[in-house]
């Protein structure tokens, strides 16, 4: 059976792709941050993983910060002071989360695409908050029951510091359709 995985950024997709690469490398024919209409290979089923919008966006911001820090340290270790300074620019992390989100919404970056854009024409929708249980559907179809493990981009940060009234209001204003559709709450 061939699967197309519409990998929505910051939804545990890297760990799912690792699972396929380990246990069913020939069954995953599409595994990118692109919508299903970009898949050029025949497949039997498509799936994606959703995540609570409030937390997905915080994770995206934290990931961008970690990547910028990695680039900064790499360039600094090579003596590239100017390049190191450029690693922290307004469009990545040298700003607060609301400004960062605003920029990426304005530039239509896929990290902030609404979930309806990702889920269009996808056969199976899983939820990151219940992924171990939801992923069993994929495992059953492949008759492969190796456990799914977190293997990618596991960052330690306090999401609570971002859950301000301003952040919650901003996210709801821009993503109210998916928040209401999937009944996402700030816990």
C-alpha atoms as a PDB file:
ATOM      1  CA  UNK A   1       0.000   0.000   0.000  1.00  0.00           C
ATOM      2  CA  UNK A   2       1.336   3.448  -0.956  1.00  0.00           C
ATOM      3  CA  UNK A   3       0.791   6.479   1.273  1.00  0.00           C
ATOM      4  CA  UNK A   4       1.032  10.189   0.679  1.00  0.00           C
ATOM      5  CA  UNK A   5       1.804  12.085   3.886  1.00  0.00           C
ATOM      6  CA  UNK A   6       0.851  15.738   3.728  1.00  0.00           C
ATOM      7  CA  UNK A   7       3.343  16.951   6.294  1.00  0.00           C
ATOM      8  CA  UNK A   8       1.956  20.045   8.006  1.00  0.00           C
ATOM      9  CA  UNK A   9       4.834  21.853   9.735  1.00  0.00           C
ATOM     10  CA  UNK A  10       5.116  21.253  13.497  1.00  0.00           C
ATOM     11  CA  UNK A  11       2.679  18.329  13.730  1.00  0.00           C
ATOM     12  CA  UNK A  12       5.082  15.410  14.467  1.00  0.00           C
ATOM     13  CA  UNK A  13       5.461  14.685  10.760  1.00  0.00           C
ATOM     14  CA  UNK A  14       9.220  14.211  11.012  1.00  0.00           C
ATOM     15  CA  UNK A  15       8.747  11.406  13.515  1.00  0.00           C
ATOM     16  CA  UNK A  16       6.122   9.797  11.269  1.00  0.00           C
ATOM     17  CA  UNK A  17       8.441  10.038   8.269  1.00  0.00           C
ATOM     18  CA  UNK A  18      11.225   8.445  10.336  1.00  0.00           C
ATOM     19  CA  UNK A  19       8.853   5.590  11.243  1.00  0.00           C
ATOM     20  CA  UNK A  20       8.092   4.968   7.569  1.00  0.00           C
ATOM     21  CA  UNK A  21      11.788   5.150   6.633  1.00  0.00           C
ATOM     22  CA  UNK A  22      12.596   2.558   9.297  1.00  0.00           C
ATOM     23  CA  UNK A  23       9.755   0.105   8.897  1.00  0.00           C
ATOM     24  CA  UNK A  24       8.058   0.684   5.511  1.00  0.00           C
ATOM     25  CA  UNK A  25      10.418   2.719   3.332  1.00  0.00           C
ATOM     26  CA  UNK A  26       8.708   1.785   0.055  1.00  0.00           C
ATOM     27  CA  UNK A  27       5.195   2.619   1.215  1.00  0.00           C
ATOM     28  CA  UNK A  28       5.648   6.369   1.714  1.00  0.00           C
ATOM     29  CA  UNK A  29       5.707   8.103  -1.670  1.00  0.00           C
ATOM     30  CA  UNK A  30       5.078  11.710  -0.597  1.00  0.00           C
ATOM     31  CA  UNK A  31       6.228  13.295   2.651  1.00  0.00           C
ATOM     32  CA  UNK A  32       6.769  16.999   2.281  1.00  0.00           C
ATOM     33  CA  UNK A  33       5.473  20.349   3.449  1.00  0.00           C
ATOM     34  CA  UNK A  34       3.288  20.550   0.335  1.00  0.00           C
ATOM     35  CA  UNK A  35      -0.395  20.039  -0.298  1.00  0.00           C
ATOM     36  CA  UNK A  36      -1.694  16.801  -1.815  1.00  0.00           C
ATOM     37  CA  UNK A  37      -2.222  18.399  -5.228  1.00  0.00           C
ATOM     38  CA  UNK A  38       1.598  18.593  -5.540  1.00  0.00           C
ATOM     39  CA  UNK A  39       1.995  14.796  -5.318  1.00  0.00           C
ATOM     40  CA  UNK A  40       3.184  13.430  -8.662  1.00  0.00           C
ATOM     41  CA  UNK A  41       3.245   9.747  -7.652  1.00  0.00           C
ATOM     42  CA  UNK A  42       0.313   7.349  -7.480  1.00  0.00           C
ATOM     43  CA  UNK A  43      -0.771   6.432  -3.965  1.00  0.00           C
ATOM     44  CA  UNK A  44      -3.560   4.455  -2.305  1.00  0.00           C
ATOM     45  CA  UNK A  45      -4.283   6.720   0.648  1.00  0.00           C
ATOM     46  CA  UNK A  46      -3.251  10.124   1.863  1.00  0.00           C
ATOM     47  CA  UNK A  47      -3.066  11.337   5.423  1.00  0.00           C
ATOM     48  CA  UNK A  48      -2.072  14.350   7.453  1.00  0.00           C
ATOM     49  CA  UNK A  49      -1.686  15.186  11.119  1.00  0.00           C
ATOM     50  CA  UNK A  50      -3.366  18.187  12.706  1.00  0.00           C
ATOM     51  CA  UNK A  51      -2.283  19.981  15.859  1.00  0.00           C
ATOM     52  CA  UNK A  52      -4.023  22.539  18.039  1.00  0.00           C
ATOM     53  CA  UNK A  53      -3.413  25.819  16.227  1.00  0.00           C
ATOM     54  CA  UNK A  54      -2.387  27.746  19.340  1.00  0.00           C
ATOM     55  CA  UNK A  55       0.378  25.246  20.106  1.00  0.00           C
ATOM     56  CA  UNK A  56       1.397  24.536  16.509  1.00  0.00           C
ATOM     57  CA  UNK A  57       2.206  28.210  15.969  1.00  0.00           C
ATOM     58  CA  UNK A  58       4.191  28.449  19.203  1.00  0.00           C
ATOM     59  CA  UNK A  59       6.145  25.374  18.143  1.00  0.00           C
ATOM     60  CA  UNK A  60       6.838  26.916  14.732  1.00  0.00           C
ATOM     61  CA  UNK A  61       8.158  30.083  16.376  1.00  0.00           C
ATOM     62  CA  UNK A  62      10.342  28.131  18.812  1.00  0.00           C
ATOM     63  CA  UNK A  63      11.655  25.981  15.956  1.00  0.00           C
ATOM     64  CA  UNK A  64      12.543  29.100  13.940  1.00  0.00           C
ATOM     65  CA  UNK A  65      14.399  30.484  16.955  1.00  0.00           C
ATOM     66  CA  UNK A  66      16.329  27.225  17.414  1.00  0.00           C
ATOM     67  CA  UNK A  67      17.268  27.150  13.720  1.00  0.00           C
ATOM     68  CA  UNK A  68      18.411  30.775  13.838  1.00  0.00           C
ATOM     69  CA  UNK A  69      20.531  30.034  16.919  1.00  0.00           C
ATOM     70  CA  UNK A  70      22.048  27.017  15.173  1.00  0.00           C
ATOM     71  CA  UNK A  71      22.928  29.161  12.132  1.00  0.00           C
ATOM     72  CA  UNK A  72      24.272  31.916  14.388  1.00  0.00           C
ATOM     73  CA  UNK A  73      26.585  29.525  16.241  1.00  0.00           C
ATOM     74  CA  UNK A  74      27.743  27.843  13.023  1.00  0.00           C
ATOM     75  CA  UNK A  75      28.587  31.160  11.349  1.00  0.00           C
ATOM     76  CA  UNK A  76      30.190  32.532  14.488  1.00  0.00           C
ATOM     77  CA  UNK A  77      32.400  29.438  14.823  1.00  0.00           C
ATOM     78  CA  UNK A  78      33.621  30.112  11.263  1.00  0.00           C
ATOM     79  CA  UNK A  79      34.439  33.730  12.181  1.00  0.00           C
ATOM     80  CA  UNK A  80      31.590  35.122  10.075  1.00  0.00           C
ATOM     81  CA  UNK A  81      30.441  37.903  12.417  1.00  0.00           C
ATOM     82  CA  UNK A  82      28.236  39.596   9.801  1.00  0.00           C
ATOM     83  CA  UNK A  83      26.614  36.293   8.813  1.00  0.00           C
ATOM     84  CA  UNK A  84      26.050  35.430  12.470  1.00  0.00           C
ATOM     85  CA  UNK A  85      24.272  38.743  13.023  1.00  0.00           C
ATOM     86  CA  UNK A  86      22.135  38.137   9.927  1.00  0.00           C
ATOM     87  CA  UNK A  87      20.978  34.812  11.401  1.00  0.00           C
ATOM     88  CA  UNK A  88      18.867  36.892  13.777  1.00  0.00           C
ATOM     89  CA  UNK A  89      16.804  39.068  11.504  1.00  0.00           C
ATOM     90  CA  UNK A  90      13.296  40.486  11.790  1.00  0.00           C
ATOM     91  CA  UNK A  91      11.799  37.837   9.553  1.00  0.00           C
ATOM     92  CA  UNK A  92      12.926  34.919  11.659  1.00  0.00           C
ATOM     93  CA  UNK A  93      13.307  35.509  15.357  1.00  0.00           C
ATOM     94  CA  UNK A  94      14.463  38.965  16.349  1.00  0.00           C
ATOM     95  CA  UNK A  95      10.921  39.873  17.270  1.00  0.00           C
ATOM     96  CA  UNK A  96       8.021  38.779  19.413  1.00  0.00           C
ATOM     97  CA  UNK A  97       5.777  35.901  18.383  1.00  0.00           C
ATOM     98  CA  UNK A  98       2.900  38.114  17.189  1.00  0.00           C
ATOM     99  CA  UNK A  99       5.177  40.141  14.906  1.00  0.00           C
ATOM    100  CA  UNK A 100       6.769  36.933  13.645  1.00  0.00           C
ATOM    101  CA  UNK A 101       3.350  35.424  12.893  1.00  0.00           C
ATOM    102  CA  UNK A 102       2.183  38.652  11.230  1.00  0.00           C
ATOM    103  CA  UNK A 103       5.170  38.593   8.892  1.00  0.00           C
ATOM    104  CA  UNK A 104       4.628  34.950   7.950  1.00  0.00           C
ATOM    105  CA  UNK A 105       0.905  35.444   7.438  1.00  0.00           C
ATOM    106  CA  UNK A 106       1.610  38.422   5.156  1.00  0.00           C
ATOM    107  CA  UNK A 107       4.177  36.466   3.135  1.00  0.00           C
ATOM    108  CA  UNK A 108       1.946  33.351   2.940  1.00  0.00           C
ATOM    109  CA  UNK A 109       4.563  31.083   4.491  1.00  0.00           C
ATOM    110  CA  UNK A 110       3.351  27.478   4.646  1.00  0.00           C
ATOM    111  CA  UNK A 111       4.102  27.305   8.377  1.00  0.00           C
ATOM    112  CA  UNK A 112       1.004  29.457   8.948  1.00  0.00           C
ATOM    113  CA  UNK A 113      -1.268  28.136   6.220  1.00  0.00           C
ATOM    114  CA  UNK A 114      -4.756  27.399   7.516  1.00  0.00           C
ATOM    115  CA  UNK A 115      -5.525  23.732   8.137  1.00  0.00           C
ATOM    116  CA  UNK A 116      -8.231  23.659   5.449  1.00  0.00           C
ATOM    117  CA  UNK A 117      -5.551  24.341   2.847  1.00  0.00           C
ATOM    118  CA  UNK A 118      -3.554  21.345   4.084  1.00  0.00           C
ATOM    119  CA  UNK A 119      -6.470  18.933   4.519  1.00  0.00           C
ATOM    120  CA  UNK A 120      -8.120  19.515   1.145  1.00  0.00           C
ATOM    121  CA  UNK A 121      -8.518  16.147  -0.648  1.00  0.00           C
ATOM    122  CA  UNK A 122      -6.706  14.235   2.125  1.00  0.00           C
ATOM    123  CA  UNK A 123      -8.232  10.830   2.945  1.00  0.00           C
ATOM    124  CA  UNK A 124      -7.260  10.387   6.604  1.00  0.00           C
ATOM    125  CA  UNK A 125      -6.839  13.088   9.231  1.00  0.00           C
ATOM    126  CA  UNK A 126      -4.952  12.230  12.406  1.00  0.00           C
ATOM    127  CA  UNK A 127      -4.471  14.420  15.473  1.00  0.00           C
ATOM    128  CA  UNK A 128      -1.072  15.092  16.992  1.00  0.00           C
ATOM    129  CA  UNK A 129      -2.604  15.309  20.465  1.00  0.00           C
ATOM    130  CA  UNK A 130      -3.709  11.665  20.126  1.00  0.00           C
ATOM    131  CA  UNK A 131      -1.152  10.508  17.573  1.00  0.00           C
ATOM    132  CA  UNK A 132      -0.065   7.195  19.089  1.00  0.00           C
ATOM    133  CA  UNK A 133      -3.680   6.007  19.065  1.00  0.00           C
ATOM    134  CA  UNK A 134      -4.642   7.639  15.742  1.00  0.00           C
ATOM    135  CA  UNK A 135      -1.532   6.314  13.978  1.00  0.00           C
ATOM    136  CA  UNK A 136      -2.697   2.756  14.664  1.00  0.00           C
ATOM    137  CA  UNK A 137      -4.996   3.159  11.653  1.00  0.00           C
ATOM    138  CA  UNK A 138      -1.941   3.556   9.400  1.00  0.00           C
ATOM    139  CA  UNK A 139      -0.144   0.709  11.177  1.00  0.00           C
ATOM    140  CA  UNK A 140      -3.126  -1.601  10.664  1.00  0.00           C
ATOM    141  CA  UNK A 141      -3.291  -0.821   6.953  1.00  0.00           C
ATOM    142  CA  UNK A 142       0.405  -1.721   6.678  1.00  0.00           C
ATOM    143  CA  UNK A 143       0.205  -4.618   9.141  1.00  0.00           C
ATOM    144  CA  UNK A 144       3.226  -3.109  10.873  1.00  0.00           C
ATOM    145  CA  UNK A 145       2.973  -2.374  14.574  1.00  0.00           C
ATOM    146  CA  UNK A 146       6.378  -0.977  15.529  1.00  0.00           C
ATOM    147  CA  UNK A 147       5.838   1.881  17.988  1.00  0.00           C
ATOM    148  CA  UNK A 148       5.841   5.464  16.788  1.00  0.00           C
ATOM    149  CA  UNK A 149       8.430   7.507  18.669  1.00  0.00           C
ATOM    150  CA  UNK A 150       9.311  11.178  18.901  1.00  0.00           C
ATOM    151  CA  UNK A 151      12.515  11.439  16.932  1.00  0.00           C
ATOM    152  CA  UNK A 152      12.530  14.903  15.373  1.00  0.00           C
ATOM    153  CA  UNK A 153      12.704  18.484  16.611  1.00  0.00           C
ATOM    154  CA  UNK A 154      11.856  17.807  20.230  1.00  0.00           C
ATOM    155  CA  UNK A 155      12.359  21.227  21.801  1.00  0.00           C
ATOM    156  CA  UNK A 156      12.074  22.173  25.433  1.00  0.00           C
ATOM    157  CA  UNK A 157      10.285  25.459  25.974  1.00  0.00           C
ATOM    158  CA  UNK A 158       7.487  26.871  28.075  1.00  0.00           C
ATOM    159  CA  UNK A 159       4.442  27.332  25.851  1.00  0.00           C
ATOM    160  CA  UNK A 160       2.633  28.951  28.777  1.00  0.00           C
ATOM    161  CA  UNK A 161       4.726  32.129  28.467  1.00  0.00           C
ATOM    162  CA  UNK A 162       3.223  32.702  25.011  1.00  0.00           C
ATOM    163  CA  UNK A 163      -0.392  32.106  25.994  1.00  0.00           C
ATOM    164  CA  UNK A 164      -1.138  35.739  26.739  1.00  0.00           C
ATOM    165  CA  UNK A 165      -4.467  37.408  26.044  1.00  0.00           C
ATOM    166  CA  UNK A 166      -2.878  39.242  23.093  1.00  0.00           C
ATOM    167  CA  UNK A 167      -1.511  36.036  21.576  1.00  0.00           C
ATOM    168  CA  UNK A 168      -4.760  34.131  22.022  1.00  0.00           C
ATOM    169  CA  UNK A 169      -6.782  36.994  20.519  1.00  0.00           C
ATOM    170  CA  UNK A 170      -4.361  37.373  17.591  1.00  0.00           C
ATOM    171  CA  UNK A 171      -4.392  33.663  16.759  1.00  0.00           C
ATOM    172  CA  UNK A 172      -8.161  33.457  17.036  1.00  0.00           C
ATOM    173  CA  UNK A 173      -8.587  36.503  14.782  1.00  0.00           C
ATOM    174  CA  UNK A 174      -6.499  34.902  12.029  1.00  0.00           C
ATOM    175  CA  UNK A 175      -7.386  31.232  12.509  1.00  0.00           C
ATOM    176  CA  UNK A 176     -10.901  31.256  13.962  1.00  0.00           C
ATOM    177  CA  UNK A 177     -12.289  28.948  11.243  1.00  0.00           C
ATOM    178  CA  UNK A 178     -10.015  26.039  12.140  1.00  0.00           C
ATOM    179  CA  UNK A 179     -10.117  26.773  15.868  1.00  0.00           C
ATOM    180  CA  UNK A 180     -13.908  26.591  15.795  1.00  0.00           C
ATOM    181  CA  UNK A 181     -14.039  23.665  13.349  1.00  0.00           C
ATOM    182  CA  UNK A 182     -11.745  21.478  15.453  1.00  0.00           C
ATOM    183  CA  UNK A 183     -12.836  22.935  18.789  1.00  0.00           C
ATOM    184  CA  UNK A 184      -9.300  23.915  19.790  1.00  0.00           C
ATOM    185  CA  UNK A 185      -8.916  25.377  23.251  1.00  0.00           C
ATOM    186  CA  UNK A 186      -6.045  26.827  25.212  1.00  0.00           C
ATOM    187  CA  UNK A 187      -5.444  24.389  28.035  1.00  0.00           C
END
